[in-house]
PDB file of N, CA and C in Angstrom:
ATOM      1  N   MET A   1       0.702  -1.195   0.129  1.00  0.00           N
ATOM      2  CA  MET A   1       0.145  -0.033   0.265  1.00  0.00           C
ATOM      3  C   MET A   1       0.846   1.136   0.053  1.00  0.00           C
ATOM      4  N   PRO A   2       0.159   2.385  -0.797  1.00  0.00           N
ATOM      5  CA  PRO A   2       1.286   3.464  -0.625  1.00  0.00           C
ATOM      6  C   PRO A   2       1.304   4.045   0.833  1.00  0.00           C
ATOM      7  N   ASN A   3       2.577   4.846   1.042  1.00  0.00           N
ATOM      8  CA  ASN A   3       2.610   5.311   2.396  1.00  0.00           C
ATOM      9  C   ASN A   3       2.094   6.793   2.435  1.00  0.00           C
ATOM     10  N   ASN A   4       1.706   7.399   1.505  1.00  0.00           N
ATOM     11  CA  ASN A   4       1.276   8.820   1.416  1.00  0.00           C
ATOM     12  C   ASN A   4      -0.124   8.897   0.844  1.00  0.00           C
ATOM     13  N   ILE A   5      -0.694  10.047   0.789  1.00  0.00           N
ATOM     14  CA  ILE A   5      -1.751  10.468   0.181  1.00  0.00           C
ATOM     15  C   ILE A   5      -1.892  10.286  -1.597  1.00  0.00           C
ATOM     16  N   ASN A   6      -0.688   9.848  -2.055  1.00  0.00           N
ATOM     17  CA  ASN A   6      -0.457  10.135  -3.560  1.00  0.00           C
ATOM     18  C   ASN A   6      -0.411   8.370  -4.092  1.00  0.00           C
ATOM     19  N   ASN A   7      -0.579   8.293  -5.230  1.00  0.00           N
ATOM     20  CA  ASN A   7      -0.741   6.879  -5.780  1.00  0.00           C
ATOM     21  C   ASN A   7      -1.093   5.821  -5.257  1.00  0.00           C
ATOM     22  N   TRP A   8      -2.694   6.180  -4.483  1.00  0.00           N
ATOM     23  CA  TRP A   8      -3.540   5.028  -4.468  1.00  0.00           C
ATOM     24  C   TRP A   8      -4.145   4.519  -5.641  1.00  0.00           C
ATOM     25  N   GLN A   9      -4.247   3.350  -5.648  1.00  0.00           N
ATOM     26  CA  GLN A   9      -5.206   2.763  -6.990  1.00  0.00           C
ATOM     27  C   GLN A   9      -6.480   2.561  -6.496  1.00  0.00           C
ATOM     28  N   TYR A  10      -7.299   2.052  -7.356  1.00  0.00           N
ATOM     29  CA  TYR A  10      -8.707   1.476  -6.787  1.00  0.00           C
ATOM     30  C   TYR A  10      -8.418   0.187  -6.058  1.00  0.00           C
ATOM     31  N   LYS A  11      -7.663  -0.606  -6.524  1.00  0.00           N
ATOM     32  CA  LYS A  11      -7.446  -1.818  -5.861  1.00  0.00           C
ATOM     33  C   LYS A  11      -6.599  -1.808  -4.599  1.00  0.00           C
ATOM     34  N   ASP A  12      -5.991  -0.783  -4.355  1.00  0.00           N
ATOM     35  CA  ASP A  12      -5.346  -0.512  -2.888  1.00  0.00           C
ATOM     36  C   ASP A  12      -6.471  -0.324  -1.901  1.00  0.00           C
ATOM     37  N   VAL A  13      -7.171   0.759  -2.371  1.00  0.00           N
ATOM     38  CA  VAL A  13      -8.190   1.312  -1.539  1.00  0.00           C
ATOM     39  C   VAL A  13      -9.342   0.134  -1.089  1.00  0.00           C
ATOM     40  N   VAL A  14      -9.789  -0.551  -2.075  1.00  0.00           N
ATOM     41  CA  VAL A  14     -10.548  -1.786  -1.917  1.00  0.00           C
ATOM     42  C   VAL A  14     -10.023  -2.884  -0.743  1.00  0.00           C
ATOM     43  N   SER A  15      -8.934  -3.007  -1.208  1.00  0.00           N
ATOM     44  CA  SER A  15      -8.014  -4.027  -0.342  1.00  0.00           C
ATOM     45  C   SER A  15      -8.099  -3.571   1.058  1.00  0.00           C
ATOM     46  N   PHE A  16      -7.763  -2.291   1.394  1.00  0.00           N
ATOM     47  CA  PHE A  16      -7.732  -1.649   2.568  1.00  0.00           C
ATOM     48  C   PHE A  16      -8.775  -1.760   3.158  1.00  0.00           C
ATOM     49  N   LEU A  17     -10.071  -1.374   2.624  1.00  0.00           N
ATOM     50  CA  LEU A  17     -11.482  -1.376   3.402  1.00  0.00           C
ATOM     51  C   LEU A  17     -11.760  -2.459   3.532  1.00  0.00           C
ATOM     52  N   LYS A  18     -11.547  -3.673   2.819  1.00  0.00           N
ATOM     53  CA  LYS A  18     -12.248  -5.109   3.069  1.00  0.00           C
ATOM     54  C   LYS A  18     -11.310  -5.550   4.187  1.00  0.00           C
ATOM     55  N   GLU A  19      -9.847  -5.202   4.382  1.00  0.00           N
ATOM     56  CA  GLU A  19      -9.200  -5.633   5.579  1.00  0.00           C
ATOM     57  C   GLU A  19      -9.622  -4.996   6.620  1.00  0.00           C
ATOM     58  N   ASN A  20     -10.466  -3.908   6.791  1.00  0.00           N
ATOM     59  CA  ASN A  20     -11.078  -3.032   7.862  1.00  0.00           C
ATOM     60  C   ASN A  20     -12.523  -3.236   7.875  1.00  0.00           C
ATOM     61  N   GLY A  21     -12.891  -4.529   7.402  1.00  0.00           N
ATOM     62  CA  GLY A  21     -14.280  -4.858   7.516  1.00  0.00           C
ATOM     63  C   GLY A  21     -15.364  -4.421   6.863  1.00  0.00           C
ATOM     64  N   PHE A  22     -15.174  -3.655   5.623  1.00  0.00           N
ATOM     65  CA  PHE A  22     -16.221  -2.995   4.549  1.00  0.00           C
ATOM     66  C   PHE A  22     -16.267  -4.228   3.611  1.00  0.00           C
ATOM     67  N   THR A  23     -17.575  -4.064   3.195  1.00  0.00           N
ATOM     68  CA  THR A  23     -18.093  -4.936   2.347  1.00  0.00           C
ATOM     69  C   THR A  23     -18.587  -4.191   1.021  1.00  0.00           C
ATOM     70  N   LEU A  24     -18.770  -4.938  -0.150  1.00  0.00           N
ATOM     71  CA  LEU A  24     -19.388  -3.925  -1.238  1.00  0.00           C
ATOM     72  C   LEU A  24     -20.824  -3.834  -0.976  1.00  0.00           C
ATOM     73  N   ASN A  25     -21.403  -2.737  -1.100  1.00  0.00           N
ATOM     74  CA  ASN A  25     -22.960  -2.543  -0.950  1.00  0.00           C
ATOM     75  C   ASN A  25     -23.542  -2.654  -2.292  1.00  0.00           C
ATOM     76  N   HIS A  26     -23.073  -1.617  -2.994  1.00  0.00           N
ATOM     77  CA  HIS A  26     -23.671  -1.898  -4.536  1.00  0.00           C
ATOM     78  C   HIS A  26     -22.700  -0.708  -5.675  1.00  0.00           C
ATOM     79  N   ILE A  27     -22.886  -0.980  -6.870  1.00  0.00           N
ATOM     80  CA  ILE A  27     -22.247  -0.347  -7.801  1.00  0.00           C
ATOM     81  C   ILE A  27     -23.220   0.680  -8.591  1.00  0.00           C
ATOM     82  N   ARG A  28     -22.719   1.955  -8.980  1.00  0.00           N
ATOM     83  CA  ARG A  28     -23.616   2.647  -9.730  1.00  0.00           C
ATOM     84  C   ARG A  28     -22.551   3.142 -10.567  1.00  0.00           C
ATOM     85  N   GLY A  29     -22.375   2.811 -11.982  1.00  0.00           N
ATOM     86  CA  GLY A  29     -21.776   3.192 -12.845  1.00  0.00           C
ATOM     87  C   GLY A  29     -20.247   3.124 -12.640  1.00  0.00           C
ATOM     88  N   SER A  30     -19.694   4.002 -12.380  1.00  0.00           N
ATOM     89  CA  SER A  30     -17.917   3.864 -12.173  1.00  0.00           C
ATOM     90  C   SER A  30     -17.643   3.937 -10.926  1.00  0.00           C
ATOM     91  N   HIS A  31     -18.798   4.015 -10.029  1.00  0.00           N
ATOM     92  CA  HIS A  31     -18.275   4.025  -8.501  1.00  0.00           C
ATOM     93  C   HIS A  31     -18.950   2.974  -7.871  1.00  0.00           C
ATOM     94  N   TYR A  32     -18.238   2.345  -6.924  1.00  0.00           N
ATOM     95  CA  TYR A  32     -18.558   1.257  -5.796  1.00  0.00           C
ATOM     96  C   TYR A  32     -18.757   1.699  -4.567  1.00  0.00           C
ATOM     97  N   TYR A  33     -19.883   1.350  -3.917  1.00  0.00           N
ATOM     98  CA  TYR A  33     -20.094   1.521  -2.451  1.00  0.00           C
ATOM     99  C   TYR A  33     -19.813   0.673  -1.476  1.00  0.00           C
ATOM    100  N   TYR A  34     -19.166   1.085  -0.315  1.00  0.00           N
ATOM    101  CA  TYR A  34     -18.968   0.247   0.608  1.00  0.00           C
ATOM    102  C   TYR A  34     -19.332   0.491   1.634  1.00  0.00           C
ATOM    103  N   VAL A  35     -19.749  -0.490   2.372  1.00  0.00           N
ATOM    104  CA  VAL A  35     -20.444  -0.334   3.865  1.00  0.00           C
ATOM    105  C   VAL A  35     -19.637  -0.839   5.126  1.00  0.00           C
ATOM    106  N   GLY A  36     -19.281  -0.309   6.084  1.00  0.00           N
ATOM    107  CA  GLY A  36     -18.504  -0.886   7.285  1.00  0.00           C
ATOM    108  C   GLY A  36     -18.890  -0.076   8.565  1.00  0.00           C
ATOM    109  N   THR A  37     -18.452  -0.782   9.697  1.00  0.00           N
ATOM    110  CA  THR A  37     -18.351   0.096  11.077  1.00  0.00           C
ATOM    111  C   THR A  37     -17.396   0.154  11.546  1.00  0.00           C
ATOM    112  N   VAL A  38     -17.215   1.540  12.021  1.00  0.00           N
ATOM    113  CA  VAL A  38     -16.109   2.110  12.599  1.00  0.00           C
ATOM    114  C   VAL A  38     -16.431   2.775  13.745  1.00  0.00           C
ATOM    115  N   ASN A  39     -15.767   2.181  15.020  1.00  0.00           N
ATOM    116  CA  ASN A  39     -16.218   2.997  16.157  1.00  0.00           C
ATOM    117  C   ASN A  39     -17.837   3.248  16.528  1.00  0.00           C
ATOM    118  N   LYS A  40     -18.430   1.542  16.073  1.00  0.00           N
ATOM    119  CA  LYS A  40     -19.881   1.738  16.249  1.00  0.00           C
ATOM    120  C   LYS A  40     -20.910   2.579  15.670  1.00  0.00           C
ATOM    121  N   ILE A  41     -19.809   2.923  14.593  1.00  0.00           N
ATOM    122  CA  ILE A  41     -20.774   3.897  13.471  1.00  0.00           C
ATOM    123  C   ILE A  41     -21.050   3.558  12.346  1.00  0.00           C
ATOM    124  N   MET A  42     -22.185   3.231  11.597  1.00  0.00           N
ATOM    125  CA  MET A  42     -22.114   2.641  10.262  1.00  0.00           C
ATOM    126  C   MET A  42     -21.470   3.843   9.088  1.00  0.00           C
ATOM    127  N   ARG A  43     -20.698   3.195   8.283  1.00  0.00           N
ATOM    128  CA  ARG A  43     -19.849   4.124   7.481  1.00  0.00           C
ATOM    129  C   ARG A  43     -20.426   3.627   5.820  1.00  0.00           C
ATOM    130  N   HIS A  44     -20.523   4.719   5.167  1.00  0.00           N
ATOM    131  CA  HIS A  44     -20.457   4.641   3.752  1.00  0.00           C
ATOM    132  C   HIS A  44     -19.604   5.114   2.669  1.00  0.00           C
ATOM    133  N   VAL A  45     -18.734   4.339   1.954  1.00  0.00           N
ATOM    134  CA  VAL A  45     -17.830   4.906   1.388  1.00  0.00           C
ATOM    135  C   VAL A  45     -17.602   4.588  -0.216  1.00  0.00           C
ATOM    136  N   SER A  46     -17.971   5.732  -0.940  1.00  0.00           N
ATOM    137  CA  SER A  46     -17.718   5.510  -2.150  1.00  0.00           C
ATOM    138  C   SER A  46     -16.151   5.695  -2.876  1.00  0.00           C
ATOM    139  N   VAL A  47     -16.347   4.778  -3.878  1.00  0.00           N
ATOM    140  CA  VAL A  47     -14.786   4.593  -4.450  1.00  0.00           C
ATOM    141  C   VAL A  47     -15.014   4.624  -5.896  1.00  0.00           C
ATOM    142  N   PRO A  48     -14.340   5.670  -6.678  1.00  0.00           N
ATOM    143  CA  PRO A  48     -14.448   5.740  -7.994  1.00  0.00           C
ATOM    144  C   PRO A  48     -13.415   4.487  -8.650  1.00  0.00           C
ATOM    145  N   TYR A  49     -13.856   4.049  -9.814  1.00  0.00           N
ATOM    146  CA  TYR A  49     -12.776   3.035 -10.649  1.00  0.00           C
ATOM    147  C   TYR A  49     -12.862   3.830 -11.866  1.00  0.00           C
ATOM    148  N   HIS A  50     -11.720   4.315 -12.134  1.00  0.00           N
ATOM    149  CA  HIS A  50     -11.439   4.873 -13.684  1.00  0.00           C
ATOM    150  C   HIS A  50     -10.331   4.256 -13.820  1.00  0.00           C
ATOM    151  N   GLY A  51      -9.233   3.425 -13.424  1.00  0.00           N
ATOM    152  CA  GLY A  51      -8.296   2.717 -13.600  1.00  0.00           C
ATOM    153  C   GLY A  51      -7.112   3.703 -13.893  1.00  0.00           C
ATOM    154  N   THR A  52      -7.076   4.645 -13.231  1.00  0.00           N
ATOM    155  CA  THR A  52      -5.701   5.547 -12.985  1.00  0.00           C
ATOM    156  C   THR A  52      -5.795   5.989 -11.056  1.00  0.00           C
ATOM    157  N   ALA A  53      -4.678   6.296 -10.962  1.00  0.00           N
ATOM    158  CA  ALA A  53      -4.299   6.699  -9.637  1.00  0.00           C
ATOM    159  C   ALA A  53      -5.696   7.751  -9.117  1.00  0.00           C
ATOM    160  N   LEU A  54      -5.899   7.487  -8.075  1.00  0.00           N
ATOM    161  CA  LEU A  54      -6.781   8.509  -7.342  1.00  0.00           C
ATOM    162  C   LEU A  54      -6.140   9.534  -6.779  1.00  0.00           C
ATOM    163  N   LYS A  55      -6.841  10.895  -7.276  1.00  0.00           N
ATOM    164  CA  LYS A  55      -6.395  12.095  -6.938  1.00  0.00           C
ATOM    165  C   LYS A  55      -6.193  12.523  -5.420  1.00  0.00           C
ATOM    166  N   PRO A  56      -5.348  13.144  -4.732  1.00  0.00           N
ATOM    167  CA  PRO A  56      -5.102  13.376  -3.622  1.00  0.00           C
ATOM    168  C   PRO A  56      -6.385  13.952  -2.920  1.00  0.00           C
ATOM    169  N   ARG A  57      -7.128  14.408  -3.192  1.00  0.00           N
ATOM    170  CA  ARG A  57      -8.381  15.376  -3.036  1.00  0.00           C
ATOM    171  C   ARG A  57      -9.519  14.211  -2.799  1.00  0.00           C
ATOM    172  N   THR A  58      -9.389  13.188  -3.780  1.00  0.00           N
ATOM    173  CA  THR A  58     -10.601  12.195  -3.625  1.00  0.00           C
ATOM    174  C   THR A  58      -9.865  10.959  -2.644  1.00  0.00           C
ATOM    175  N   MET A  59      -8.942  10.959  -2.517  1.00  0.00           N
ATOM    176  CA  MET A  59      -8.446  10.163  -1.217  1.00  0.00           C
ATOM    177  C   MET A  59      -8.763  10.691   0.030  1.00  0.00           C
ATOM    178  N   LYS A  60      -8.558  11.949   0.064  1.00  0.00           N
ATOM    179  CA  LYS A  60      -9.184  12.693   1.657  1.00  0.00           C
ATOM    180  C   LYS A  60     -10.617  12.428   1.718  1.00  0.00           C
ATOM    181  N   SER A  61     -11.324  12.716   0.627  1.00  0.00           N
ATOM    182  CA  SER A  61     -12.691  12.398   0.743  1.00  0.00           C
ATOM    183  C   SER A  61     -12.797  10.673   1.237  1.00  0.00           C
ATOM    184  N   ILE A  62     -12.260   9.687   0.620  1.00  0.00           N
ATOM    185  CA  ILE A  62     -12.303   8.506   0.956  1.00  0.00           C
ATOM    186  C   ILE A  62     -12.301   8.435   2.484  1.00  0.00           C
ATOM    187  N   ILE A  63     -11.120   8.837   2.642  1.00  0.00           N
ATOM    188  CA  ILE A  63     -10.555   8.758   4.184  1.00  0.00           C
ATOM    189  C   ILE A  63     -11.894   9.194   5.226  1.00  0.00           C
ATOM    190  N   GLU A  64     -12.256  10.515   4.893  1.00  0.00           N
ATOM    191  CA  GLU A  64     -12.824  11.036   5.793  1.00  0.00           C
ATOM    192  C   GLU A  64     -14.165  10.040   5.980  1.00  0.00           C
ATOM    193  N   GLN A  65     -14.727   9.809   4.601  1.00  0.00           N
ATOM    194  CA  GLN A  65     -15.885   9.005   4.928  1.00  0.00           C
ATOM    195  C   GLN A  65     -16.035   7.743   5.384  1.00  0.00           C
ATOM    196  N   SER A  66     -14.902   6.959   5.420  1.00  0.00           N
ATOM    197  CA  SER A  66     -14.472   5.743   6.282  1.00  0.00           C
ATOM    198  C   SER A  66     -14.634   6.005   7.694  1.00  0.00           C
ATOM    199  N   GLY A  67     -13.976   6.897   7.955  1.00  0.00           N
ATOM    200  CA  GLY A  67     -14.028   7.450   9.477  1.00  0.00           C
ATOM    201  C   GLY A  67     -12.437   6.441  10.252  1.00  0.00           C
ATOM    202  N   ILE A  68     -11.491   5.978   9.517  1.00  0.00           N
ATOM    203  CA  ILE A  68     -10.549   5.596   9.821  1.00  0.00           C
ATOM    204  C   ILE A  68      -9.392   6.413   9.878  1.00  0.00           C
ATOM    205  N   GLN A  69      -8.494   6.693  10.934  1.00  0.00           N
ATOM    206  CA  GLN A  69      -7.531   7.521  10.910  1.00  0.00           C
ATOM    207  C   GLN A  69      -6.520   7.655   9.946  1.00  0.00           C
ATOM    208  N   LYS A  70      -5.985   8.818   9.256  1.00  0.00           N
ATOM    209  CA  LYS A  70      -4.812   8.841   8.438  1.00  0.00           C
ATOM    210  C   LYS A  70      -3.786   7.808   8.670  1.00  0.00           C
ATOM    211  N   GLU A  71      -3.527   7.815  10.164  1.00  0.00           N
ATOM    212  CA  GLU A  71      -2.119   7.277  10.345  1.00  0.00           C
ATOM    213  C   GLU A  71      -2.590   5.710  10.070  1.00  0.00           C
ATOM    214  N   ILE A  72      -3.744   5.068  10.035  1.00  0.00           N
ATOM    215  CA  ILE A  72      -3.934   3.677  10.127  1.00  0.00           C
ATOM    216  C   ILE A  72      -3.889   3.223   8.534  1.00  0.00           C
ATOM    217  N   TRP A  73      -4.328   4.434   7.654  1.00  0.00           N
ATOM    218  CA  TRP A  73      -4.725   4.273   6.299  1.00  0.00           C
ATOM    219  C   TRP A  73      -3.049   4.175   5.763  1.00  0.00           C
ATOM    220  N   PHE A  74      -2.076   5.121   6.182  1.00  0.00           N
ATOM    221  CA  PHE A  74      -1.023   5.082   5.703  1.00  0.00           C
ATOM    222  C   PHE A  74       0.210   4.168   6.377  1.00  0.00           C
ATOM    223  N   GLY A  75      -0.311   3.208   7.360  1.00  0.00           N
ATOM    224  CA  GLY A  75       0.437   2.271   8.013  1.00  0.00           C
ATOM    225  C   GLY A  75       1.453   2.960   9.018  1.00  0.00           C
ATOM    226  N   LYS A  76       0.969   3.754   9.830  1.00  0.00           N
ATOM    227  CA  LYS A  76       1.940   4.372  10.667  1.00  0.00           C
ATOM    228  C   LYS A  76       1.133   4.001  12.211  1.00  0.00           C
ATOM    229  N   GLY A  77      -0.071   3.442  12.026  1.00  0.00           N
ATOM    230  CA  GLY A  77      -0.696   3.017  13.512  1.00  0.00           C
ATOM    231  C   GLY A  77      -1.399   1.553  13.142  1.00  0.00           C
ATOM    232  N   LYS A  78      -2.183   1.480  14.249  1.00  0.00           N
ATOM    233  CA  LYS A  78      -2.974   0.251  14.026  1.00  0.00           C
ATOM    234  C   LYS A  78      -4.414   0.569  14.408  1.00  0.00           C
ATOM    235  N   ARG A  79      -5.502  -0.173  13.999  1.00  0.00           N
ATOM    236  CA  ARG A  79      -6.843  -0.101  14.443  1.00  0.00           C
ATOM    237  C   ARG A  79      -7.177  -0.841  15.439  1.00  0.00           C
ATOM    238  N   LYS A  80      -7.804  -0.476  16.317  1.00  0.00           N
ATOM    239  CA  LYS A  80      -8.412  -0.705  17.762  1.00  0.00           C
ATOM    240  C   LYS A  80      -9.493  -1.780  17.390  1.00  0.00           C
TER     241      LYS A  80
END
């Protein structure tokens, strides 16, 4: 997995979300919607699939939607 906000691919994001308990809910066009529970709160995450690296702003949005801390996304922390 990438160590910072740059160069995340769709497959990296999906792999990370699945490792953290998210599951595919539905697909609409080129966006895949995942659901999962973080800190007893149900979260919905939209992940675009365009075949290129996700833009940093898109990654920030995905991180915010997931509710998982940035440190965990970038491998510098552990999820409780």
